[in-house]
Amino acid sequence: MPDYQLIRSKRKTLSLQINYDAQLIVRSPLRLSIKKIESFISEKQNWISKKQAQIASKTTKKSSYEANDEYLFLGKSYPLKHTKTGNPLSFDGKHFALNTKYLGVKAFHWFYQKEFIKTAMPLLEKFGKKHNLAYQKVRFKAQKTRWGSCSASNNISLNYLLMMAPLTVIEMVIAHELAHIQHKNHSKDFYSLLKKMLPEYQQADIWLKANSQKLHSL
């Protein structure tokens, strides 16, 4: 089941919309059950995937990595400088340093993935143990339309481009996917658990929705 935003109103029918940021918006009658809503989403999965892929393909990607260009790390922007030695990309707390022997895009992906694994694994363990949510395998990859997912067998997948987002956003996505271990839907019980795990999750979700295109423009 893909992540979605549910909007209930005094309407008679269900409708789906993919917004400019490839997010799925579901508009539903006030009293329609989550089971029926998610059954409808499942029936339209091919359409959803196609539309999200079309939007993701239109995201502007960087073609050059010039000195003094700025890049995000944990929600803040830092300038880039060039070097001819060392790792593909390094960070000293004030600057990114790109070894010009490497392609910029590959260097940044290498760096964000490495740093995200070091950041995410302790958070997964912390939230999992505290709320008794046992996950299986964990995968880290750069996905075009998802920040995370939890499979039926409780395997967790996380998008390492989240390393560009504030720590609270990383926590929110991790808590969201772990909550799916107990609730495989987006019911009231799911959001109740998510709020218990991370009371400020809504603010983090707002940041991610507003900045998703920046995180995908690498």
Protein backbone atom coordinates (compact mmCIF):
# COMPACT_ATOMS: atom_id res chain seq x y z
CA MET A 1 0.00 0.00 0.00
CA PRO A 2 1.57 3.31 -1.03
CA ASP A 3 1.66 6.22 1.40
CA TYR A 4 -1.19 8.65 0.86
CA GLN A 5 -2.86 11.73 2.29
CA LEU A 6 -6.54 11.19 3.09
CA ILE A 7 -8.97 14.11 2.84
CA ARG A 8 -12.55 13.46 3.96
CA SER A 9 -15.43 15.73 3.02
CA LYS A 10 -19.16 15.75 2.26
CA ARG A 11 -18.72 14.08 -1.10
CA LYS A 12 -20.31 10.90 -2.45
CA THR A 13 -17.44 9.30 -4.36
CA LEU A 14 -13.77 8.41 -3.96
CA SER A 15 -11.15 10.15 -6.07
CA LEU A 16 -7.37 9.93 -6.43
CA GLN A 17 -4.94 12.71 -7.28
CA ILE A 18 -1.17 12.74 -7.73
CA ASN A 19 0.14 16.18 -6.80
CA TYR A 20 3.15 18.05 -8.19
CA ASP A 21 5.42 16.26 -5.71
CA ALA A 22 4.24 12.76 -6.76
CA GLN A 23 2.25 12.36 -3.54
CA LEU A 24 -0.99 10.39 -3.62
CA ILE A 25 -4.02 12.38 -2.40
CA VAL A 26 -7.21 10.43 -1.65
CA ARG A 27 -10.51 12.29 -1.35
CA SER A 28 -13.21 10.30 0.39
CA PRO A 29 -16.75 10.55 1.79
CA LEU A 30 -16.82 11.22 5.53
CA ARG A 31 -17.86 7.76 6.72
CA LEU A 32 -16.22 5.46 4.20
CA SER A 33 -14.09 2.80 5.89
CA ILE A 34 -10.31 2.60 5.57
CA LYS A 35 -10.72 -0.96 4.26
CA LYS A 36 -12.82 0.24 1.29
CA ILE A 37 -10.53 3.20 0.66
CA GLU A 38 -7.41 1.06 0.53
CA SER A 39 -9.14 -1.56 -1.60
CA PHE A 40 -9.86 1.19 -4.13
CA ILE A 41 -6.23 2.32 -3.99
CA SER A 42 -5.06 -1.24 -4.67
CA GLU A 43 -7.31 -1.46 -7.73
CA LYS A 44 -5.75 1.74 -9.10
CA GLN A 45 -2.14 0.83 -8.28
CA ASN A 46 -1.00 0.66 -11.91
CA TRP A 47 -2.42 4.12 -12.63
CA ILE A 48 -0.85 5.51 -9.44
CA SER A 49 2.60 4.11 -10.23
CA LYS A 50 2.46 5.40 -13.80
CA LYS A 51 1.50 8.93 -12.76
CA GLN A 52 4.09 9.08 -9.99
CA ALA A 53 6.81 7.88 -12.38
CA GLN A 54 5.83 10.55 -14.92
CA ILE A 55 6.15 13.30 -12.31
CA ALA A 56 9.42 11.92 -10.93
CA SER A 57 10.91 11.83 -14.43
CA LYS A 58 10.26 15.57 -14.82
CA THR A 59 12.24 16.50 -11.69
CA THR A 60 15.18 18.69 -12.70
CA LYS A 61 18.49 16.94 -11.98
CA LYS A 62 21.79 18.71 -11.50
CA SER A 63 24.26 18.32 -14.35
CA SER A 64 27.24 20.06 -12.75
CA TYR A 65 28.67 20.38 -9.27
CA GLU A 66 30.39 23.76 -9.18
CA ALA A 67 32.37 25.22 -6.30
CA ASN A 68 30.19 27.29 -3.93
CA ASP A 69 26.99 25.51 -4.99
CA GLU A 70 25.06 24.64 -1.83
CA TYR A 71 23.81 21.21 -0.78
CA LEU A 72 21.62 20.02 2.05
CA PHE A 73 22.73 17.96 5.03
CA LEU A 74 20.34 17.36 7.94
CA GLY A 75 18.14 20.23 6.80
CA LYS A 76 20.83 22.90 6.39
CA SER A 77 22.66 24.10 3.26
CA TYR A 78 26.45 24.05 2.96
CA PRO A 79 28.75 25.24 0.15
CA LEU A 80 30.80 22.90 -2.01
CA LYS A 81 34.52 23.15 -2.60
CA HIS A 82 36.73 21.05 -4.89
CA THR A 83 39.73 18.93 -3.96
CA LYS A 84 41.97 16.45 -5.76
CA THR A 85 42.54 14.03 -2.87
CA GLY A 86 40.64 11.97 -0.34
CA ASN A 87 37.22 10.34 -0.42
CA PRO A 88 34.75 11.04 -3.24
CA LEU A 89 32.97 13.47 -0.92
CA SER A 90 33.66 14.64 2.61
CA PHE A 91 32.01 17.05 5.03
CA ASP A 92 33.72 19.03 7.81
CA GLY A 93 30.63 20.65 9.32
CA LYS A 94 31.01 23.81 7.23
CA HIS A 95 31.77 22.67 3.67
CA PHE A 96 31.35 19.72 1.37
CA ALA A 97 34.61 18.76 -0.38
CA LEU A 98 34.22 16.97 -3.73
CA ASN A 99 37.18 15.02 -5.07
CA THR A 100 37.09 16.04 -8.73
CA LYS A 101 38.34 12.60 -9.77
CA TYR A 102 34.77 11.39 -9.15
CA LEU A 103 31.43 12.27 -10.73
CA GLY A 104 29.53 14.67 -8.50
CA VAL A 105 26.24 12.77 -8.56
CA LYS A 106 27.90 9.46 -7.64
CA ALA A 107 29.95 11.10 -4.90
CA PHE A 108 26.89 12.67 -3.28
CA HIS A 109 24.90 9.43 -3.47
CA TRP A 110 27.82 7.53 -1.95
CA PHE A 111 28.08 10.08 0.87
CA TYR A 112 24.37 10.36 1.65
CA GLN A 113 23.90 6.59 1.69
CA LYS A 114 26.89 6.05 4.00
CA GLU A 115 25.81 8.79 6.40
CA PHE A 116 22.16 7.78 6.34
CA ILE A 117 22.90 4.18 7.32
CA LYS A 118 24.92 5.42 10.31
CA THR A 119 22.04 7.73 11.29
CA ALA A 120 19.05 5.49 10.58
CA MET A 121 20.10 2.17 12.11
CA PRO A 122 20.27 3.46 15.72
CA LEU A 123 16.89 5.16 15.25
CA LEU A 124 15.32 1.97 13.91
CA GLU A 125 16.66 0.07 16.90
CA LYS A 126 15.53 2.73 19.38
CA PHE A 127 11.97 3.08 18.09
CA GLY A 128 11.63 -0.65 17.47
CA LYS A 129 12.66 -1.67 20.99
CA LYS A 130 10.73 1.11 22.73
CA HIS A 131 7.45 0.25 20.99
CA ASN A 132 7.97 -3.50 20.58
CA LEU A 133 8.01 -3.36 16.78
CA ALA A 134 10.19 -6.10 15.33
CA TYR A 135 11.37 -5.48 11.77
CA GLN A 136 13.20 -7.96 9.55
CA LYS A 137 15.56 -6.81 6.78
CA VAL A 138 16.40 -3.16 6.13
CA ARG A 139 17.28 -1.76 2.70
CA PHE A 140 18.60 1.68 1.81
CA LYS A 141 18.14 3.04 -1.69
CA ALA A 142 17.30 6.23 -3.57
CA GLN A 143 13.67 5.89 -4.64
CA LYS A 144 11.89 8.24 -7.02
CA THR A 145 8.45 8.32 -5.39
CA ARG A 146 8.77 6.87 -1.88
CA TRP A 147 10.60 7.86 1.28
CA GLY A 148 10.06 4.50 2.87
CA SER A 149 8.00 1.32 2.88
CA CYS A 150 7.19 -1.65 5.08
CA SER A 151 6.43 -4.99 3.39
CA ALA A 152 3.91 -7.59 4.49
CA SER A 153 6.81 -9.54 6.03
CA ASN A 154 8.01 -6.41 7.90
CA ASN A 155 11.02 -5.65 5.75
CA ILE A 156 11.80 -1.93 5.91
CA SER A 157 13.02 0.13 2.95
CA LEU A 158 14.29 3.69 3.46
CA ASN A 159 15.34 6.39 1.01
CA TYR A 160 18.85 7.54 1.88
CA LEU A 161 18.26 10.92 0.22
CA LEU A 162 16.50 11.74 3.50
CA MET A 163 19.99 12.54 4.78
CA MET A 164 19.35 15.99 3.33
CA ALA A 165 16.33 16.49 5.61
CA PRO A 166 16.26 17.55 9.28
CA LEU A 167 16.70 14.77 11.82
CA THR A 168 13.05 15.03 12.89
CA VAL A 169 12.01 14.21 9.31
CA ILE A 170 14.24 11.12 9.29
CA GLU A 171 12.72 10.11 12.62
CA MET A 172 9.22 10.66 11.23
CA VAL A 173 9.74 8.43 8.18
CA ILE A 174 11.34 5.69 10.28
CA ALA A 175 8.55 5.84 12.87
CA HIS A 176 5.96 5.82 10.06
CA GLU A 177 7.33 2.62 8.52
CA LEU A 178 7.78 0.90 11.87
CA ALA A 179 4.18 1.75 12.79
CA HIS A 180 3.12 -0.22 9.71
CA ILE A 181 4.44 -3.35 11.39
CA GLN A 182 1.46 -3.13 13.74
CA HIS A 183 -1.02 -1.43 11.40
CA LYS A 184 -0.81 -2.20 7.66
CA ASN A 185 -2.97 0.78 6.74
CA HIS A 186 -3.42 4.46 7.53
CA SER A 187 -6.26 4.09 10.00
CA LYS A 188 -6.86 6.16 13.13
CA ASP A 189 -5.04 3.47 15.13
CA PHE A 190 -2.02 3.83 12.85
CA TYR A 191 -1.82 7.59 13.33
CA SER A 192 -2.45 7.21 17.06
CA LEU A 193 0.59 4.93 17.29
CA LEU A 194 2.67 7.25 15.11
CA LYS A 195 1.82 10.22 17.34
CA LYS A 196 2.75 8.19 20.40
CA MET A 197 6.08 7.34 18.80
CA LEU A 198 6.79 10.88 17.58
CA PRO A 199 4.41 13.60 18.83
CA GLU A 200 5.84 16.19 16.38
CA TYR A 201 5.45 13.98 13.29
CA GLN A 202 2.99 16.36 11.62
CA GLN A 203 5.46 19.26 11.53
CA ALA A 204 8.10 16.94 10.06
CA ASP A 205 5.62 15.72 7.44
CA ILE A 206 4.87 19.31 6.42
CA TRP A 207 8.59 20.00 5.92
CA LEU A 208 9.03 16.90 3.79
CA LYS A 209 6.05 17.69 1.57
CA ALA A 210 7.33 21.25 1.04
CA ASN A 211 10.91 20.21 0.25
CA SER A 212 10.59 16.88 -1.54
CA GLN A 213 11.61 18.29 -4.91
CA LYS A 214 14.85 19.63 -3.45
CA LEU A 215 15.72 16.21 -2.10
CA HIS A 216 15.06 14.59 -5.48
CA SER A 217 17.05 17.12 -7.52
CA LEU A 218 20.45 15.64 -6.77
